[in-house]
């Protein structure tokens, strides 16, 4: 995109050079220095299990807490070359479970606890967590979520708990499961929390775009902001890009009735693009009708790669780097 946020503006030079500050400058530094060493930010690490193919995919949004067997699901995803998953909380209970699963199933944690051997559970995958309150549950109040954050905080932040973001949070005026005024107040408080703790912000917004941008303008847009399961049109995409946010695309891009969304994907700058499953929901074609899982992020990635006219491995590498930047996974 150009400085105006025009989705249709011609790209000038490498996508790694299109931004002079923020995440663009980080990417430019990698390009100038010839890229990262294996295992550093921006490059998939080698797996601890030599029998598995190299991990290349990141599922930037899933709900492993809702899975009947998270360990097996993560292992199956790893076989499909999915190396990282962001397990997203929607209230205090699911957030606490997300943190626990990140601790239990991550390769680095499990290997350290077992004396350095490969994890039998995660088989080389890394799991990260978010803590937040979904707009549907805003009426329950934010106190218990804030208490969990206080419990997890250390002098060095949240790295040891593997918490990388606040959310998912936002506004949902389609179902109105919580009163709109309450949704706005709770969303604003979570934006402020992300800013205060320098955490990424994961946003759910449905039929509430104007109000969502209003809250962000009032509270200040966190340095790293992700619009999860983006389903807006061109104008909403332009607004997201103008404030420096990432657009995360789900299996909806494979649905027959999603042509407008596919056009957004076509014009979305590469350095602002993420992919996700939102599993167990929104299973992509051709697996519609079955329970979704992080393994299916490969189907989302393949669909996005085709729309962008890239080989899937290129799209996987780009979104791996973008996840580093969006969630601070490389630091």
C-alpha atoms as a PDB file:
ATOM      1  CA  UNK A   1       0.000   0.000   0.000  1.00  0.00           C
ATOM      2  CA  UNK A   2       1.065   3.614  -0.346  1.00  0.00           C
ATOM      3  CA  UNK A   3       1.135   6.113   2.526  1.00  0.00           C
ATOM      4  CA  UNK A   4      -2.559   6.870   1.994  1.00  0.00           C
ATOM      5  CA  UNK A   5      -3.511   3.266   2.640  1.00  0.00           C
ATOM      6  CA  UNK A   6      -4.723   2.747  -0.929  1.00  0.00           C
ATOM      7  CA  UNK A   7      -5.189  -0.966  -1.512  1.00  0.00           C
ATOM      8  CA  UNK A   8      -4.847  -0.443  -5.250  1.00  0.00           C
ATOM      9  CA  UNK A   9      -1.698   1.674  -5.191  1.00  0.00           C
ATOM     10  CA  UNK A  10       1.236   0.170  -7.099  1.00  0.00           C
ATOM     11  CA  UNK A  11       3.917  -1.422  -4.979  1.00  0.00           C
ATOM     12  CA  UNK A  12       7.207   0.441  -5.053  1.00  0.00           C
ATOM     13  CA  UNK A  13      10.125  -1.913  -4.702  1.00  0.00           C
ATOM     14  CA  UNK A  14      10.169  -4.908  -2.429  1.00  0.00           C
ATOM     15  CA  UNK A  15       7.274  -5.351  -0.008  1.00  0.00           C
ATOM     16  CA  UNK A  16       9.975  -5.447   2.682  1.00  0.00           C
ATOM     17  CA  UNK A  17      10.825  -1.817   1.927  1.00  0.00           C
ATOM     18  CA  UNK A  18       7.397  -0.241   1.764  1.00  0.00           C
ATOM     19  CA  UNK A  19       7.397   1.066   5.330  1.00  0.00           C
ATOM     20  CA  UNK A  20       9.998   3.423   6.711  1.00  0.00           C
ATOM     21  CA  UNK A  21       9.284   2.747  10.386  1.00  0.00           C
ATOM     22  CA  UNK A  22       7.764   0.093  12.633  1.00  0.00           C
ATOM     23  CA  UNK A  23       7.444  -3.395  11.267  1.00  0.00           C
ATOM     24  CA  UNK A  24       8.669  -2.329   7.805  1.00  0.00           C
ATOM     25  CA  UNK A  25      11.990  -1.171   9.220  1.00  0.00           C
ATOM     26  CA  UNK A  26      12.414  -4.472  11.059  1.00  0.00           C
ATOM     27  CA  UNK A  27      11.874  -6.346   7.814  1.00  0.00           C
ATOM     28  CA  UNK A  28      14.238  -4.011   5.963  1.00  0.00           C
ATOM     29  CA  UNK A  29      16.954  -4.713   8.512  1.00  0.00           C
ATOM     30  CA  UNK A  30      16.603  -8.441   7.846  1.00  0.00           C
ATOM     31  CA  UNK A  31      16.794  -7.836   4.110  1.00  0.00           C
ATOM     32  CA  UNK A  32      19.892  -5.660   4.448  1.00  0.00           C
ATOM     33  CA  UNK A  33      21.715  -8.152   6.620  1.00  0.00           C
ATOM     34  CA  UNK A  34      20.864 -11.069   4.384  1.00  0.00           C
ATOM     35  CA  UNK A  35      18.092 -12.552   6.525  1.00  0.00           C
ATOM     36  CA  UNK A  36      17.928 -14.217   9.904  1.00  0.00           C
ATOM     37  CA  UNK A  37      19.955 -17.154  11.042  1.00  0.00           C
ATOM     38  CA  UNK A  38      17.977 -20.399  11.389  1.00  0.00           C
ATOM     39  CA  UNK A  39      15.777 -20.316  14.447  1.00  0.00           C
ATOM     40  CA  UNK A  40      15.717 -16.493  14.652  1.00  0.00           C
ATOM     41  CA  UNK A  41      12.714 -14.298  13.955  1.00  0.00           C
ATOM     42  CA  UNK A  42      11.527 -14.462  10.376  1.00  0.00           C
ATOM     43  CA  UNK A  43      12.717 -17.982   9.612  1.00  0.00           C
ATOM     44  CA  UNK A  44      11.097 -21.258  10.642  1.00  0.00           C
ATOM     45  CA  UNK A  45      13.230 -23.116  13.173  1.00  0.00           C
ATOM     46  CA  UNK A  46      14.432 -26.638  12.608  1.00  0.00           C
ATOM     47  CA  UNK A  47      12.216 -29.243  14.249  1.00  0.00           C
ATOM     48  CA  UNK A  48      13.494 -31.254  17.180  1.00  0.00           C
ATOM     49  CA  UNK A  49      12.082 -34.344  15.472  1.00  0.00           C
ATOM     50  CA  UNK A  50      14.104 -35.101  12.334  1.00  0.00           C
ATOM     51  CA  UNK A  51      11.332 -37.366  11.020  1.00  0.00           C
ATOM     52  CA  UNK A  52       9.051 -34.366  10.497  1.00  0.00           C
ATOM     53  CA  UNK A  53       9.181 -31.940   7.557  1.00  0.00           C
ATOM     54  CA  UNK A  54      10.295 -28.380   8.229  1.00  0.00           C
ATOM     55  CA  UNK A  55       7.581 -26.239   9.816  1.00  0.00           C
ATOM     56  CA  UNK A  56       6.483 -23.375   7.595  1.00  0.00           C
ATOM     57  CA  UNK A  57       2.924 -22.392   8.599  1.00  0.00           C
ATOM     58  CA  UNK A  58       1.619 -20.292  11.491  1.00  0.00           C
ATOM     59  CA  UNK A  59      -2.027 -20.467  12.585  1.00  0.00           C
ATOM     60  CA  UNK A  60      -2.440 -16.984  13.999  1.00  0.00           C
ATOM     61  CA  UNK A  61      -5.800 -17.667  15.673  1.00  0.00           C
ATOM     62  CA  UNK A  62      -7.241 -20.920  16.990  1.00  0.00           C
ATOM     63  CA  UNK A  63      -9.114 -22.175  20.056  1.00  0.00           C
ATOM     64  CA  UNK A  64      -7.376 -25.336  21.187  1.00  0.00           C
ATOM     65  CA  UNK A  65      -9.291 -25.107  24.477  1.00  0.00           C
ATOM     66  CA  UNK A  66     -12.408 -26.253  22.605  1.00  0.00           C
ATOM     67  CA  UNK A  67     -10.688 -29.318  21.188  1.00  0.00           C
ATOM     68  CA  UNK A  68     -11.420 -32.739  22.743  1.00  0.00           C
ATOM     69  CA  UNK A  69      -7.727 -33.734  22.423  1.00  0.00           C
ATOM     70  CA  UNK A  70      -5.507 -30.644  22.050  1.00  0.00           C
ATOM     71  CA  UNK A  71      -2.265 -32.639  22.191  1.00  0.00           C
ATOM     72  CA  UNK A  72      -3.264 -34.869  19.300  1.00  0.00           C
ATOM     73  CA  UNK A  73      -4.584 -31.897  17.342  1.00  0.00           C
ATOM     74  CA  UNK A  74      -1.272 -30.071  17.751  1.00  0.00           C
ATOM     75  CA  UNK A  75       0.649 -33.186  16.743  1.00  0.00           C
ATOM     76  CA  UNK A  76      -1.478 -33.575  13.603  1.00  0.00           C
ATOM     77  CA  UNK A  77      -0.950 -29.908  12.762  1.00  0.00           C
ATOM     78  CA  UNK A  78       2.788 -30.338  13.115  1.00  0.00           C
ATOM     79  CA  UNK A  79       2.691 -33.232  10.644  1.00  0.00           C
ATOM     80  CA  UNK A  80       1.015 -30.810   8.233  1.00  0.00           C
ATOM     81  CA  UNK A  81       4.009 -28.440   8.611  1.00  0.00           C
ATOM     82  CA  UNK A  82       2.232 -26.077  11.003  1.00  0.00           C
ATOM     83  CA  UNK A  83       4.949 -24.966  13.403  1.00  0.00           C
ATOM     84  CA  UNK A  84       3.197 -22.331  15.494  1.00  0.00           C
ATOM     85  CA  UNK A  85      -0.285 -21.679  16.831  1.00  0.00           C
ATOM     86  CA  UNK A  86      -1.756 -18.727  18.723  1.00  0.00           C
ATOM     87  CA  UNK A  87      -4.304 -20.143  21.189  1.00  0.00           C
ATOM     88  CA  UNK A  88      -6.848 -17.397  21.801  1.00  0.00           C
ATOM     89  CA  UNK A  89      -8.776 -16.715  24.995  1.00  0.00           C
ATOM     90  CA  UNK A  90     -12.324 -15.370  25.060  1.00  0.00           C
ATOM     91  CA  UNK A  91     -12.924 -15.076  28.822  1.00  0.00           C
ATOM     92  CA  UNK A  92     -11.053 -15.775  32.057  1.00  0.00           C
ATOM     93  CA  UNK A  93     -11.607 -19.550  31.912  1.00  0.00           C
ATOM     94  CA  UNK A  94     -10.623 -20.020  28.269  1.00  0.00           C
ATOM     95  CA  UNK A  95      -7.709 -17.606  28.665  1.00  0.00           C
ATOM     96  CA  UNK A  96      -6.369 -19.531  31.629  1.00  0.00           C
ATOM     97  CA  UNK A  97      -6.706 -22.736  29.625  1.00  0.00           C
ATOM     98  CA  UNK A  98      -4.902 -21.145  26.648  1.00  0.00           C
ATOM     99  CA  UNK A  99      -1.976 -20.253  28.912  1.00  0.00           C
ATOM    100  CA  UNK A 100      -1.898 -23.771  30.341  1.00  0.00           C
ATOM    101  CA  UNK A 101      -1.917 -25.383  26.887  1.00  0.00           C
ATOM    102  CA  UNK A 102       0.859 -23.083  25.680  1.00  0.00           C
ATOM    103  CA  UNK A 103       2.927 -24.212  28.634  1.00  0.00           C
ATOM    104  CA  UNK A 104       2.083 -27.911  28.302  1.00  0.00           C
ATOM    105  CA  UNK A 105       2.287 -28.368  24.537  1.00  0.00           C
ATOM    106  CA  UNK A 106       5.073 -26.076  23.339  1.00  0.00           C
ATOM    107  CA  UNK A 107       8.163 -27.873  22.132  1.00  0.00           C
ATOM    108  CA  UNK A 108      10.601 -25.584  23.928  1.00  0.00           C
ATOM    109  CA  UNK A 109       8.777 -25.942  27.252  1.00  0.00           C
ATOM    110  CA  UNK A 110       8.182 -29.674  26.985  1.00  0.00           C
ATOM    111  CA  UNK A 111      11.753 -30.352  25.869  1.00  0.00           C
ATOM    112  CA  UNK A 112      13.207 -28.391  28.770  1.00  0.00           C
ATOM    113  CA  UNK A 113      11.001 -30.213  31.242  1.00  0.00           C
ATOM    114  CA  UNK A 114      11.933 -33.616  29.785  1.00  0.00           C
ATOM    115  CA  UNK A 115      15.677 -32.950  29.757  1.00  0.00           C
ATOM    116  CA  UNK A 116      15.970 -31.674  26.210  1.00  0.00           C
ATOM    117  CA  UNK A 117      14.404 -34.513  24.230  1.00  0.00           C
ATOM    118  CA  UNK A 118      11.695 -33.952  21.608  1.00  0.00           C
ATOM    119  CA  UNK A 119       8.235 -33.389  23.050  1.00  0.00           C
ATOM    120  CA  UNK A 120       5.916 -36.390  22.593  1.00  0.00           C
ATOM    121  CA  UNK A 121       2.945 -34.026  22.730  1.00  0.00           C
ATOM    122  CA  UNK A 122       3.773 -31.085  20.508  1.00  0.00           C
ATOM    123  CA  UNK A 123       6.328 -32.822  18.288  1.00  0.00           C
ATOM    124  CA  UNK A 124       8.112 -29.596  17.441  1.00  0.00           C
ATOM    125  CA  UNK A 125       5.273 -27.055  17.563  1.00  0.00           C
ATOM    126  CA  UNK A 126       5.254 -23.812  19.540  1.00  0.00           C
ATOM    127  CA  UNK A 127       2.040 -22.592  21.163  1.00  0.00           C
ATOM    128  CA  UNK A 128       1.425 -19.028  22.338  1.00  0.00           C
ATOM    129  CA  UNK A 129      -1.568 -17.654  24.226  1.00  0.00           C
ATOM    130  CA  UNK A 130      -3.784 -14.607  24.402  1.00  0.00           C
ATOM    131  CA  UNK A 131      -5.879 -13.343  27.303  1.00  0.00           C
ATOM    132  CA  UNK A 132      -9.084 -11.463  26.668  1.00  0.00           C
ATOM    133  CA  UNK A 133     -12.863 -11.090  26.869  1.00  0.00           C
ATOM    134  CA  UNK A 134     -14.989 -11.628  23.755  1.00  0.00           C
ATOM    135  CA  UNK A 135     -17.667  -8.996  23.057  1.00  0.00           C
ATOM    136  CA  UNK A 136     -20.365 -11.633  23.499  1.00  0.00           C
ATOM    137  CA  UNK A 137     -19.258 -12.021  27.126  1.00  0.00           C
ATOM    138  CA  UNK A 138     -18.664  -8.356  27.890  1.00  0.00           C
ATOM    139  CA  UNK A 139     -21.604  -8.287  30.265  1.00  0.00           C
ATOM    140  CA  UNK A 140     -19.671 -10.619  32.586  1.00  0.00           C
ATOM    141  CA  UNK A 141     -17.184  -7.835  33.276  1.00  0.00           C
ATOM    142  CA  UNK A 142     -13.436  -7.644  32.827  1.00  0.00           C
ATOM    143  CA  UNK A 143     -12.315  -8.040  36.449  1.00  0.00           C
ATOM    144  CA  UNK A 144     -11.465 -11.751  36.296  1.00  0.00           C
ATOM    145  CA  UNK A 145      -9.483 -11.314  33.079  1.00  0.00           C
ATOM    146  CA  UNK A 146      -7.485  -8.459  34.580  1.00  0.00           C
ATOM    147  CA  UNK A 147      -6.869 -10.562  37.681  1.00  0.00           C
ATOM    148  CA  UNK A 148      -5.448 -13.325  35.480  1.00  0.00           C
ATOM    149  CA  UNK A 149      -3.135 -10.863  33.769  1.00  0.00           C
ATOM    150  CA  UNK A 150      -1.940  -9.575  37.133  1.00  0.00           C
ATOM    151  CA  UNK A 151      -1.279 -13.146  38.206  1.00  0.00           C
ATOM    152  CA  UNK A 152       0.771 -13.871  35.081  1.00  0.00           C
ATOM    153  CA  UNK A 153       2.757 -10.626  35.010  1.00  0.00           C
ATOM    154  CA  UNK A 154       6.439 -10.652  35.922  1.00  0.00           C
ATOM    155  CA  UNK A 155       9.020  -7.847  36.033  1.00  0.00           C
ATOM    156  CA  UNK A 156       9.993  -8.923  32.516  1.00  0.00           C
ATOM    157  CA  UNK A 157       6.421  -8.879  31.224  1.00  0.00           C
ATOM    158  CA  UNK A 158       4.516 -11.919  30.046  1.00  0.00           C
ATOM    159  CA  UNK A 159       7.142 -13.831  28.084  1.00  0.00           C
ATOM    160  CA  UNK A 160       7.476 -16.631  30.629  1.00  0.00           C
ATOM    161  CA  UNK A 161       3.726 -17.301  30.477  1.00  0.00           C
ATOM    162  CA  UNK A 162       3.787 -17.252  26.662  1.00  0.00           C
ATOM    163  CA  UNK A 163       1.078 -14.555  26.594  1.00  0.00           C
ATOM    164  CA  UNK A 164       1.549 -12.415  23.488  1.00  0.00           C
ATOM    165  CA  UNK A 165      -1.724 -10.515  23.094  1.00  0.00           C
ATOM    166  CA  UNK A 166      -4.907  -9.131  24.597  1.00  0.00           C
ATOM    167  CA  UNK A 167      -8.040 -10.519  22.986  1.00  0.00           C
ATOM    168  CA  UNK A 168      -9.949 -11.581  21.271  1.00  0.00           C
ATOM    169  CA  UNK A 169     -11.938  -8.495  22.122  1.00  0.00           C
ATOM    170  CA  UNK A 170     -13.978  -5.957  20.242  1.00  0.00           C
ATOM    171  CA  UNK A 171     -17.549  -5.233  19.211  1.00  0.00           C
ATOM    172  CA  UNK A 172     -20.230  -7.516  17.790  1.00  0.00           C
ATOM    173  CA  UNK A 173     -23.423  -5.682  16.888  1.00  0.00           C
ATOM    174  CA  UNK A 174     -24.776  -8.610  14.861  1.00  0.00           C
ATOM    175  CA  UNK A 175     -25.733 -10.825  17.790  1.00  0.00           C
ATOM    176  CA  UNK A 176     -25.728  -8.158  20.531  1.00  0.00           C
ATOM    177  CA  UNK A 177     -25.115 -10.836  23.141  1.00  0.00           C
ATOM    178  CA  UNK A 178     -24.009  -8.042  25.475  1.00  0.00           C
ATOM    179  CA  UNK A 179     -25.384  -4.484  25.548  1.00  0.00           C
ATOM    180  CA  UNK A 180     -23.552  -2.272  23.063  1.00  0.00           C
ATOM    181  CA  UNK A 181     -22.530   0.323  25.619  1.00  0.00           C
ATOM    182  CA  UNK A 182     -21.026  -2.426  27.780  1.00  0.00           C
ATOM    183  CA  UNK A 183     -19.209  -3.868  24.772  1.00  0.00           C
ATOM    184  CA  UNK A 184     -17.685  -0.463  24.030  1.00  0.00           C
ATOM    185  CA  UNK A 185     -16.518   0.061  27.600  1.00  0.00           C
ATOM    186  CA  UNK A 186     -14.986  -3.413  27.881  1.00  0.00           C
ATOM    187  CA  UNK A 187     -13.305  -3.132  24.481  1.00  0.00           C
ATOM    188  CA  UNK A 188     -11.856   0.264  25.367  1.00  0.00           C
ATOM    189  CA  UNK A 189     -10.474  -1.129  28.623  1.00  0.00           C
ATOM    190  CA  UNK A 190      -8.777  -3.974  26.774  1.00  0.00           C
ATOM    191  CA  UNK A 191      -7.248  -1.618  24.202  1.00  0.00           C
ATOM    192  CA  UNK A 192      -5.859   0.403  27.099  1.00  0.00           C
ATOM    193  CA  UNK A 193      -4.545  -2.811  28.690  1.00  0.00           C
ATOM    194  CA  UNK A 194      -2.727  -3.818  25.508  1.00  0.00           C
ATOM    195  CA  UNK A 195      -1.136  -0.376  25.340  1.00  0.00           C
ATOM    196  CA  UNK A 196      -0.152  -0.429  29.000  1.00  0.00           C
ATOM    197  CA  UNK A 197       1.545  -3.829  28.770  1.00  0.00           C
ATOM    198  CA  UNK A 198       2.909  -3.419  25.231  1.00  0.00           C
ATOM    199  CA  UNK A 199       1.012  -6.513  24.091  1.00  0.00           C
ATOM    200  CA  UNK A 200      -0.567  -7.103  20.707  1.00  0.00           C
ATOM    201  CA  UNK A 201      -4.321  -6.551  20.365  1.00  0.00           C
ATOM    202  CA  UNK A 202      -6.569  -9.136  18.665  1.00  0.00           C
ATOM    203  CA  UNK A 203      -9.832  -7.592  17.475  1.00  0.00           C
ATOM    204  CA  UNK A 204     -13.173  -9.214  16.705  1.00  0.00           C
ATOM    205  CA  UNK A 205     -15.516  -6.792  14.952  1.00  0.00           C
ATOM    206  CA  UNK A 206     -18.836  -7.514  13.278  1.00  0.00           C
ATOM    207  CA  UNK A 207     -21.239  -4.883  11.959  1.00  0.00           C
ATOM    208  CA  UNK A 208     -19.494  -2.339  14.180  1.00  0.00           C
ATOM    209  CA  UNK A 209     -16.684  -0.886  12.079  1.00  0.00           C
ATOM    210  CA  UNK A 210     -17.312   2.785  12.755  1.00  0.00           C
ATOM    211  CA  UNK A 211     -17.542   2.227  16.505  1.00  0.00           C
ATOM    212  CA  UNK A 212     -14.444  -0.007  16.476  1.00  0.00           C
ATOM    213  CA  UNK A 213     -12.308   2.669  14.840  1.00  0.00           C
ATOM    214  CA  UNK A 214     -13.766   5.279  17.186  1.00  0.00           C
ATOM    215  CA  UNK A 215     -12.678   3.310  20.267  1.00  0.00           C
ATOM    216  CA  UNK A 216      -9.211   2.753  18.797  1.00  0.00           C
ATOM    217  CA  UNK A 217      -8.817   6.434  18.012  1.00  0.00           C
ATOM    218  CA  UNK A 218      -9.848   7.423  21.527  1.00  0.00           C
ATOM    219  CA  UNK A 219      -7.662   4.882  23.343  1.00  0.00           C
ATOM    220  CA  UNK A 220      -4.730   4.883  20.925  1.00  0.00           C
ATOM    221  CA  UNK A 221      -4.010   2.082  18.486  1.00  0.00           C
ATOM    222  CA  UNK A 222      -1.628  -0.477  19.992  1.00  0.00           C
ATOM    223  CA  UNK A 223       1.660  -0.748  18.144  1.00  0.00           C
ATOM    224  CA  UNK A 224       0.720  -4.296  17.085  1.00  0.00           C
ATOM    225  CA  UNK A 225      -2.951  -4.740  16.195  1.00  0.00           C
ATOM    226  CA  UNK A 226      -4.596  -7.669  14.402  1.00  0.00           C
ATOM    227  CA  UNK A 227      -8.071  -7.709  12.880  1.00  0.00           C
ATOM    228  CA  UNK A 228      -8.886 -11.383  13.346  1.00  0.00           C
ATOM    229  CA  UNK A 229     -11.015 -13.199  10.756  1.00  0.00           C
ATOM    230  CA  UNK A 230     -11.231 -10.080   8.604  1.00  0.00           C
ATOM    231  CA  UNK A 231     -14.528  -9.951   6.710  1.00  0.00           C
ATOM    232  CA  UNK A 232     -14.804  -6.264   5.871  1.00  0.00           C
ATOM    233  CA  UNK A 233     -14.745  -4.725   2.448  1.00  0.00           C
ATOM    234  CA  UNK A 234     -12.242  -2.520   0.657  1.00  0.00           C
ATOM    235  CA  UNK A 235     -13.009   0.612   2.667  1.00  0.00           C
ATOM    236  CA  UNK A 236     -12.689  -1.166   6.016  1.00  0.00           C
ATOM    237  CA  UNK A 237      -9.449  -2.767   4.860  1.00  0.00           C
ATOM    238  CA  UNK A 238      -8.044   0.640   3.892  1.00  0.00           C
ATOM    239  CA  UNK A 239      -8.889   2.018   7.334  1.00  0.00           C
ATOM    240  CA  UNK A 240      -7.224  -0.930   9.046  1.00  0.00           C
ATOM    241  CA  UNK A 241      -4.101  -0.491   6.951  1.00  0.00           C
ATOM    242  CA  UNK A 242      -3.974   3.249   7.600  1.00  0.00           C
ATOM    243  CA  UNK A 243      -3.662   2.614  11.326  1.00  0.00           C
ATOM    244  CA  UNK A 244      -0.935   0.026  10.743  1.00  0.00           C
ATOM    245  CA  UNK A 245      -2.984  -3.065  11.567  1.00  0.00           C
ATOM    246  CA  UNK A 246      -2.626  -6.597  10.248  1.00  0.00           C
ATOM    247  CA  UNK A 247      -5.493  -8.317   8.432  1.00  0.00           C
ATOM    248  CA  UNK A 248      -5.889 -11.995   9.337  1.00  0.00           C
ATOM    249  CA  UNK A 249      -7.790 -14.124   6.834  1.00  0.00           C
ATOM    250  CA  UNK A 250      -9.592 -17.362   7.705  1.00  0.00           C
ATOM    251  CA  UNK A 251     -11.199 -20.210   5.786  1.00  0.00           C
ATOM    252  CA  UNK A 252     -13.944 -17.803   4.715  1.00  0.00           C
ATOM    253  CA  UNK A 253     -11.697 -16.907   1.759  1.00  0.00           C
ATOM    254  CA  UNK A 254     -12.529 -20.360   0.339  1.00  0.00           C
ATOM    255  CA  UNK A 255     -16.310 -19.923   0.594  1.00  0.00           C
ATOM    256  CA  UNK A 256     -18.286 -19.559  -2.644  1.00  0.00           C
ATOM    257  CA  UNK A 257     -19.997 -16.350  -1.511  1.00  0.00           C
ATOM    258  CA  UNK A 258     -16.800 -14.548  -0.447  1.00  0.00           C
ATOM    259  CA  UNK A 259     -15.731 -12.925  -3.718  1.00  0.00           C
ATOM    260  CA  UNK A 260     -15.524  -9.425  -2.196  1.00  0.00           C
ATOM    261  CA  UNK A 261     -13.265 -10.732   0.555  1.00  0.00           C
ATOM    262  CA  UNK A 262     -11.050 -12.457  -1.999  1.00  0.00           C
ATOM    263  CA  UNK A 263     -10.586  -9.114  -3.735  1.00  0.00           C
ATOM    264  CA  UNK A 264      -9.441  -7.642  -0.431  1.00  0.00           C
ATOM    265  CA  UNK A 265      -6.902 -10.466  -0.174  1.00  0.00           C
ATOM    266  CA  UNK A 266      -5.656  -9.732  -3.705  1.00  0.00           C
ATOM    267  CA  UNK A 267      -4.942  -6.100  -2.836  1.00  0.00           C
ATOM    268  CA  UNK A 268      -3.763  -6.543   0.764  1.00  0.00           C
ATOM    269  CA  UNK A 269      -0.054  -5.645   1.124  1.00  0.00           C
ATOM    270  CA  UNK A 270       1.997  -8.715   1.892  1.00  0.00           C
ATOM    271  CA  UNK A 271       3.530  -7.193   5.019  1.00  0.00           C
ATOM    272  CA  UNK A 272       0.070  -6.711   6.536  1.00  0.00           C
ATOM    273  CA  UNK A 273      -1.298 -10.209   5.946  1.00  0.00           C
ATOM    274  CA  UNK A 274      -1.828 -13.110   8.348  1.00  0.00           C
ATOM    275  CA  UNK A 275      -3.701 -16.409   8.031  1.00  0.00           C
ATOM    276  CA  UNK A 276      -5.699 -18.333  10.615  1.00  0.00           C
ATOM    277  CA  UNK A 277      -8.226 -21.102  11.108  1.00  0.00           C
ATOM    278  CA  UNK A 278     -10.352 -19.794  14.003  1.00  0.00           C
ATOM    279  CA  UNK A 279     -10.719 -23.512  14.696  1.00  0.00           C
ATOM    280  CA  UNK A 280     -12.889 -25.296  15.619  1.00  0.00           C
ATOM    281  CA  UNK A 281     -15.017 -22.857  13.592  1.00  0.00           C
ATOM    282  CA  UNK A 282     -15.056 -21.798   9.909  1.00  0.00           C
ATOM    283  CA  UNK A 283     -13.688 -24.957   8.327  1.00  0.00           C
ATOM    284  CA  UNK A 284     -12.364 -24.152   4.837  1.00  0.00           C
ATOM    285  CA  UNK A 285     -13.348 -25.811   1.574  1.00  0.00           C
ATOM    286  CA  UNK A 286     -13.030 -28.718   0.800  1.00  0.00           C
ATOM    287  CA  UNK A 287     -13.455 -29.809   4.425  1.00  0.00           C
ATOM    288  CA  UNK A 288     -16.674 -27.896   5.103  1.00  0.00           C
ATOM    289  CA  UNK A 289     -18.997 -29.786   7.420  1.00  0.00           C
ATOM    290  CA  UNK A 290     -16.144 -31.187   9.512  1.00  0.00           C
ATOM    291  CA  UNK A 291     -14.646 -29.818  12.695  1.00  0.00           C
ATOM    292  CA  UNK A 292     -11.918 -27.290  11.916  1.00  0.00           C
ATOM    293  CA  UNK A 293      -8.373 -27.684  13.229  1.00  0.00           C
ATOM    294  CA  UNK A 294      -5.023 -25.856  12.902  1.00  0.00           C
ATOM    295  CA  UNK A 295      -3.945 -28.373  10.234  1.00  0.00           C
ATOM    296  CA  UNK A 296      -6.362 -26.622   7.898  1.00  0.00           C
ATOM    297  CA  UNK A 297      -4.358 -23.403   7.962  1.00  0.00           C
ATOM    298  CA  UNK A 298      -2.525 -24.989   5.036  1.00  0.00           C
ATOM    299  CA  UNK A 299      -5.778 -24.873   3.037  1.00  0.00           C
ATOM    300  CA  UNK A 300      -6.251 -21.202   3.928  1.00  0.00           C
ATOM    301  CA  UNK A 301      -2.637 -20.486   3.041  1.00  0.00           C
ATOM    302  CA  UNK A 302      -2.875 -22.286  -0.286  1.00  0.00           C
ATOM    303  CA  UNK A 303      -6.023 -20.330  -1.182  1.00  0.00           C
ATOM    304  CA  UNK A 304      -4.415 -17.010  -0.259  1.00  0.00           C
ATOM    305  CA  UNK A 305      -1.235 -17.937  -2.144  1.00  0.00           C
ATOM    306  CA  UNK A 306      -3.259 -18.644  -5.279  1.00  0.00           C
ATOM    307  CA  UNK A 307      -5.026 -15.295  -4.976  1.00  0.00           C
ATOM    308  CA  UNK A 308      -1.695 -13.513  -4.518  1.00  0.00           C
ATOM    309  CA  UNK A 309      -0.057 -15.512  -7.349  1.00  0.00           C
ATOM    310  CA  UNK A 310       2.700 -16.891  -5.116  1.00  0.00           C
ATOM    311  CA  UNK A 311       3.916 -20.384  -4.422  1.00  0.00           C
ATOM    312  CA  UNK A 312       2.481 -21.627  -1.097  1.00  0.00           C
ATOM    313  CA  UNK A 313       5.975 -21.825   0.432  1.00  0.00           C
ATOM    314  CA  UNK A 314       6.507 -18.126  -0.274  1.00  0.00           C
ATOM    315  CA  UNK A 315       3.187 -17.183   1.299  1.00  0.00           C
ATOM    316  CA  UNK A 316       4.014 -19.400   4.284  1.00  0.00           C
ATOM    317  CA  UNK A 317       7.374 -17.677   4.783  1.00  0.00           C
ATOM    318  CA  UNK A 318       5.827 -14.209   4.521  1.00  0.00           C
ATOM    319  CA  UNK A 319       3.079 -14.958   7.023  1.00  0.00           C
ATOM    320  CA  UNK A 320       5.613 -16.608   9.355  1.00  0.00           C
ATOM    321  CA  UNK A 321       7.592 -13.349   9.414  1.00  0.00           C
ATOM    322  CA  UNK A 322       4.418 -11.313   9.801  1.00  0.00           C
ATOM    323  CA  UNK A 323       3.363 -13.383  12.814  1.00  0.00           C
ATOM    324  CA  UNK A 324       6.791 -12.671  14.322  1.00  0.00           C
ATOM    325  CA  UNK A 325       6.087  -8.968  13.988  1.00  0.00           C
ATOM    326  CA  UNK A 326       2.402  -8.996  14.876  1.00  0.00           C
ATOM    327  CA  UNK A 327       2.827 -10.959  18.101  1.00  0.00           C
ATOM    328  CA  UNK A 328       6.465 -10.269  18.972  1.00  0.00           C
ATOM    329  CA  UNK A 329       7.410 -13.933  18.699  1.00  0.00           C
ATOM    330  CA  UNK A 330      10.991 -13.388  17.648  1.00  0.00           C
ATOM    331  CA  UNK A 331      12.240 -11.290  20.566  1.00  0.00           C
END
